[in-house]
C-alpha atoms as a PDB file:
ATOM      1  CA  MET A   1      18.211   6.965  -5.270  1.00  0.00           C
ATOM      2  CA  PHE A   2      15.675   7.204  -2.466  1.00  0.00           C
ATOM      3  CA  ASP A   3      16.312   6.151   1.135  1.00  0.00           C
ATOM      4  CA  THR A   4      12.740   5.401   2.235  1.00  0.00           C
ATOM      5  CA  ILE A   5      10.127   4.192  -0.248  1.00  0.00           C
ATOM      6  CA  LEU A   6       6.562   3.260   0.630  1.00  0.00           C
ATOM      7  CA  LEU A   7       5.078   0.507  -1.547  1.00  0.00           C
ATOM      8  CA  PRO A   8       1.358  -0.034  -0.855  1.00  0.00           C
ATOM      9  CA  ILE A   9       0.121  -3.352  -2.231  1.00  0.00           C
ATOM     10  CA  ASP A  10      -3.025  -5.453  -2.278  1.00  0.00           C
ATOM     11  CA  LEU A  11      -2.036  -9.081  -1.833  1.00  0.00           C
ATOM     12  CA  ASN A  12      -5.266 -10.201  -3.521  1.00  0.00           C
ATOM     13  CA  HIS A  13      -4.337  -8.345  -6.721  1.00  0.00           C
ATOM     14  CA  PRO A  14      -0.875  -9.056  -8.142  1.00  0.00           C
ATOM     15  CA  ALA A  15      -1.342  -6.113 -10.532  1.00  0.00           C
ATOM     16  CA  SER A  16      -0.891  -3.895  -7.453  1.00  0.00           C
ATOM     17  CA  TRP A  17       2.765  -4.907  -7.210  1.00  0.00           C
ATOM     18  CA  GLU A  18       3.919  -6.758 -10.350  1.00  0.00           C
ATOM     19  CA  LYS A  19       5.122  -3.552 -12.034  1.00  0.00           C
ATOM     20  CA  SER A  20       5.499  -1.236  -9.050  1.00  0.00           C
ATOM     21  CA  LEU A  21       7.779  -3.557  -7.052  1.00  0.00           C
ATOM     22  CA  PRO A  22      10.524  -3.692  -9.718  1.00  0.00           C
ATOM     23  CA  MET A  23      10.356   0.103 -10.022  1.00  0.00           C
ATOM     24  CA  ALA A  24      10.603   0.546  -6.238  1.00  0.00           C
ATOM     25  CA  ARG A  25      13.614  -1.791  -6.192  1.00  0.00           C
ATOM     26  CA  LYS A  26      15.364   0.316  -8.841  1.00  0.00           C
ATOM     27  CA  LEU A  27      14.624   3.538  -6.987  1.00  0.00           C
ATOM     28  CA  ALA A  28      15.826   2.125  -3.662  1.00  0.00           C
ATOM     29  CA  GLY A  29      19.112   0.990  -5.143  1.00  0.00           C
ATOM     30  CA  GLU A  30      21.485  -0.835  -2.837  1.00  0.00           C
ATOM     31  CA  THR A  31      20.990   1.414   0.179  1.00  0.00           C
ATOM     32  CA  GLY A  32      17.303   2.357   0.272  1.00  0.00           C
ATOM     33  CA  THR A  33      14.559   0.607   2.210  1.00  0.00           C
ATOM     34  CA  ILE A  34      11.203  -0.400   0.739  1.00  0.00           C
ATOM     35  CA  HIS A  35       8.369  -0.366   3.261  1.00  0.00           C
ATOM     36  CA  VAL A  36       5.710  -2.769   1.994  1.00  0.00           C
ATOM     37  CA  LEU A  37       2.252  -1.658   3.155  1.00  0.00           C
ATOM     38  CA  GLY A  38      -0.851  -3.837   3.294  1.00  0.00           C
ATOM     39  CA  ILE A  39      -4.118  -2.207   4.298  1.00  0.00           C
ATOM     40  CA  VAL A  40      -7.079  -3.763   6.059  1.00  0.00           C
ATOM     41  CA  HIS A  41     -10.139  -1.885   4.888  1.00  0.00           C
ATOM     42  CA  ASP A  42     -12.347  -0.226   7.453  1.00  0.00           C
ATOM     43  CA  LEU A  43     -15.790  -1.801   7.657  1.00  0.00           C
ATOM     44  CA  GLY A  44     -17.325   1.635   7.700  1.00  0.00           C
ATOM     45  CA  ALA A  45     -20.658   0.796   9.279  1.00  0.00           C
ATOM     46  CA  ALA A  46     -21.315  -0.210  12.866  1.00  0.00           C
ATOM     47  CA  MET A  47     -24.249  -2.276  11.658  1.00  0.00           C
ATOM     48  CA  VAL A  48     -21.913  -4.488   9.601  1.00  0.00           C
ATOM     49  CA  ALA A  49     -19.415  -4.789  12.464  1.00  0.00           C
ATOM     50  CA  ALA A  50     -22.188  -6.007  14.769  1.00  0.00           C
ATOM     51  CA  TYR A  51     -22.380  -9.267  12.770  1.00  0.00           C
ATOM     52  CA  LEU A  52     -18.660  -9.996  13.025  1.00  0.00           C
ATOM     53  CA  PRO A  53     -16.660 -11.430  15.926  1.00  0.00           C
ATOM     54  CA  ALA A  54     -15.573  -8.848  18.498  1.00  0.00           C
ATOM     55  CA  ASP A  55     -11.908  -9.260  17.586  1.00  0.00           C
ATOM     56  CA  TYR A  56     -12.454  -9.314  13.814  1.00  0.00           C
ATOM     57  CA  GLU A  57     -10.248  -6.303  13.081  1.00  0.00           C
ATOM     58  CA  LYS A  58      -7.394  -7.635  15.224  1.00  0.00           C
ATOM     59  CA  GLN A  59      -7.625 -10.989  13.440  1.00  0.00           C
ATOM     60  CA  ALA A  60      -7.647  -9.252  10.047  1.00  0.00           C
ATOM     61  CA  LEU A  61      -4.590  -7.154  10.969  1.00  0.00           C
ATOM     62  CA  ASP A  62      -2.739 -10.238  12.249  1.00  0.00           C
ATOM     63  CA  ARG A  63      -3.604 -12.176   9.068  1.00  0.00           C
ATOM     64  CA  MET A  64      -2.418  -9.267   6.914  1.00  0.00           C
ATOM     65  CA  LYS A  65       0.882  -9.181   8.803  1.00  0.00           C
ATOM     66  CA  ARG A  66       1.448 -12.922   8.297  1.00  0.00           C
ATOM     67  CA  GLU A  67       0.619 -12.700   4.595  1.00  0.00           C
ATOM     68  CA  LEU A  68       2.951  -9.723   4.124  1.00  0.00           C
ATOM     69  CA  GLU A  69       5.739 -11.610   5.891  1.00  0.00           C
ATOM     70  CA  GLY A  70       5.317 -14.362   3.292  1.00  0.00           C
ATOM     71  CA  PHE A  71       5.270 -11.824   0.463  1.00  0.00           C
ATOM     72  CA  ILE A  72       8.476 -10.198   1.695  1.00  0.00           C
ATOM     73  CA  ALA A  73      10.188 -13.570   2.119  1.00  0.00           C
ATOM     74  CA  THR A  74       9.253 -14.495  -1.456  1.00  0.00           C
ATOM     75  CA  HIS A  75       9.691 -11.204  -3.336  1.00  0.00           C
ATOM     76  CA  MET A  76      12.097  -8.973  -1.423  1.00  0.00           C
ATOM     77  CA  SER A  77      15.363 -10.895  -1.368  1.00  0.00           C
ATOM     78  CA  GLY A  78      18.402  -8.714  -1.926  1.00  0.00           C
ATOM     79  CA  VAL A  79      16.718  -5.469  -0.902  1.00  0.00           C
ATOM     80  CA  LYS A  80      16.225  -3.857   2.481  1.00  0.00           C
ATOM     81  CA  SER A  81      12.556  -4.049   3.332  1.00  0.00           C
ATOM     82  CA  SER A  82      10.138  -3.452   6.137  1.00  0.00           C
ATOM     83  CA  LEU A  83       6.594  -4.611   6.742  1.00  0.00           C
ATOM     84  CA  ARG A  84       3.784  -2.138   7.472  1.00  0.00           C
ATOM     85  CA  VAL A  85       0.114  -2.821   8.131  1.00  0.00           C
ATOM     86  CA  GLY A  86      -2.443  -0.057   7.863  1.00  0.00           C
ATOM     87  CA  HIS A  87      -6.124   0.097   8.680  1.00  0.00           C
ATOM     88  CA  GLY A  88      -8.910   2.240   7.321  1.00  0.00           C
ATOM     89  CA  HIS A  89      -9.561   4.180   4.127  1.00  0.00           C
ATOM     90  CA  VAL A  90      -6.848   3.231   1.614  1.00  0.00           C
ATOM     91  CA  PRO A  91      -5.570   6.685   0.535  1.00  0.00           C
ATOM     92  CA  GLU A  92      -5.619   7.969   4.117  1.00  0.00           C
ATOM     93  CA  ALA A  93      -3.725   4.890   5.374  1.00  0.00           C
ATOM     94  CA  ILE A  94      -1.098   5.333   2.657  1.00  0.00           C
ATOM     95  CA  LEU A  95      -0.548   9.010   3.423  1.00  0.00           C
ATOM     96  CA  LEU A  96      -0.490   8.435   7.189  1.00  0.00           C
ATOM     97  CA  THR A  97       2.063   5.642   6.856  1.00  0.00           C
ATOM     98  CA  ALA A  98       4.217   7.767   4.535  1.00  0.00           C
ATOM     99  CA  ARG A  99       4.312  10.489   7.206  1.00  0.00           C
ATOM    100  CA  LYS A 100       5.049   8.000  10.007  1.00  0.00           C
ATOM    101  CA  ILE A 101       8.050   6.508   8.243  1.00  0.00           C
ATOM    102  CA  ASP A 102       9.212   9.857   6.804  1.00  0.00           C
ATOM    103  CA  ALA A 103       9.090   8.409   3.288  1.00  0.00           C
ATOM    104  CA  ASP A 104      10.991  10.039   0.437  1.00  0.00           C
ATOM    105  CA  MET A 105       8.644   8.608  -2.172  1.00  0.00           C
ATOM    106  CA  ILE A 106       5.505   6.532  -2.643  1.00  0.00           C
ATOM    107  CA  VAL A 107       5.512   3.992  -5.463  1.00  0.00           C
ATOM    108  CA  MET A 108       2.138   2.468  -6.254  1.00  0.00           C
ATOM    109  CA  ALA A 109       0.211   0.811  -9.023  1.00  0.00           C
ATOM    110  CA  SER A 110      -2.916   2.138 -10.610  1.00  0.00           C
ATOM    111  CA  ALA A 111      -5.420   0.403 -12.810  1.00  0.00           C
ATOM    112  CA  PRO A 112      -5.565   1.832 -16.333  1.00  0.00           C
ATOM    113  CA  PRO A 113      -8.364   4.365 -16.526  1.00  0.00           C
ATOM    114  CA  ASP A 114     -11.489   3.868 -18.538  1.00  0.00           C
ATOM    115  CA  ASP A 115     -13.938   6.607 -19.458  1.00  0.00           C
ATOM    116  CA  PHE A 116     -16.651   5.507 -17.056  1.00  0.00           C
ATOM    117  CA  ARG A 117     -14.458   4.999 -13.990  1.00  0.00           C
ATOM    118  CA  THR A 118     -12.410   8.157 -14.557  1.00  0.00           C
ATOM    119  CA  PHE A 119     -15.542  10.252 -14.907  1.00  0.00           C
ATOM    120  CA  LEU A 120     -17.367   8.953 -11.833  1.00  0.00           C
ATOM    121  CA  VAL A 121     -14.821   7.796  -9.272  1.00  0.00           C
ATOM    122  CA  GLY A 122     -11.235   8.801  -8.589  1.00  0.00           C
ATOM    123  CA  SER A 123      -8.870   5.911  -7.948  1.00  0.00           C
ATOM    124  CA  ASN A 124      -6.892   5.498  -4.751  1.00  0.00           C
ATOM    125  CA  ALA A 125      -3.783   6.549  -6.658  1.00  0.00           C
ATOM    126  CA  ASP A 126      -5.498   9.758  -7.778  1.00  0.00           C
ATOM    127  CA  LYS A 127      -6.356  10.624  -4.194  1.00  0.00           C
ATOM    128  CA  VAL A 128      -2.844   9.877  -2.951  1.00  0.00           C
ATOM    129  CA  VAL A 129      -1.288  11.998  -5.713  1.00  0.00           C
ATOM    130  CA  ARG A 130      -3.641  14.911  -4.993  1.00  0.00           C
ATOM    131  CA  HIS A 131      -2.994  14.954  -1.247  1.00  0.00           C
ATOM    132  CA  SER A 132       0.621  13.856  -0.950  1.00  0.00           C
ATOM    133  CA  THR A 133       3.350  16.314  -0.029  1.00  0.00           C
ATOM    134  CA  LEU A 134       6.054  14.007  -1.377  1.00  0.00           C
ATOM    135  CA  PRO A 135       6.714  12.492  -4.796  1.00  0.00           C
ATOM    136  CA  VAL A 136       4.387   9.714  -5.892  1.00  0.00           C
ATOM    137  CA  LEU A 137       5.258   7.409  -8.768  1.00  0.00           C
ATOM    138  CA  VAL A 138       2.176   5.784 -10.225  1.00  0.00           C
ATOM    139  CA  VAL A 139       3.045   2.704 -12.252  1.00  0.00           C
ATOM    140  CA  ARG A 140       0.752   1.160 -14.864  1.00  0.00           C
END
């Protein structure tokens, strides 16, 4: 079993946790902790940010925290869990959070590949697997 598991999810896409959450629960066993991570994407361009309220990012982070609290209350009964909110580029936020919490493993979902997407763009899971120094379980 693993003591500290990071479970990055996208609350807007149940496929990001429907299969990976049960796997993380099994790997955590009775004593491990699952750290549920939601990520607020970085806007990337100052020009875009100029059209948003000055405290947009703070509001987005606060909203993410509230939504994750609801997710944990609904889906994490019977398992030790912790809430984490990241900000920025998804793979970088996952890897940074894994280092911060000294994770033993990352469990995450990945969309099934198709020829076009695999050829042109690597998925977030691909990037995490390539750059992680700890085990990553990709669930499909």
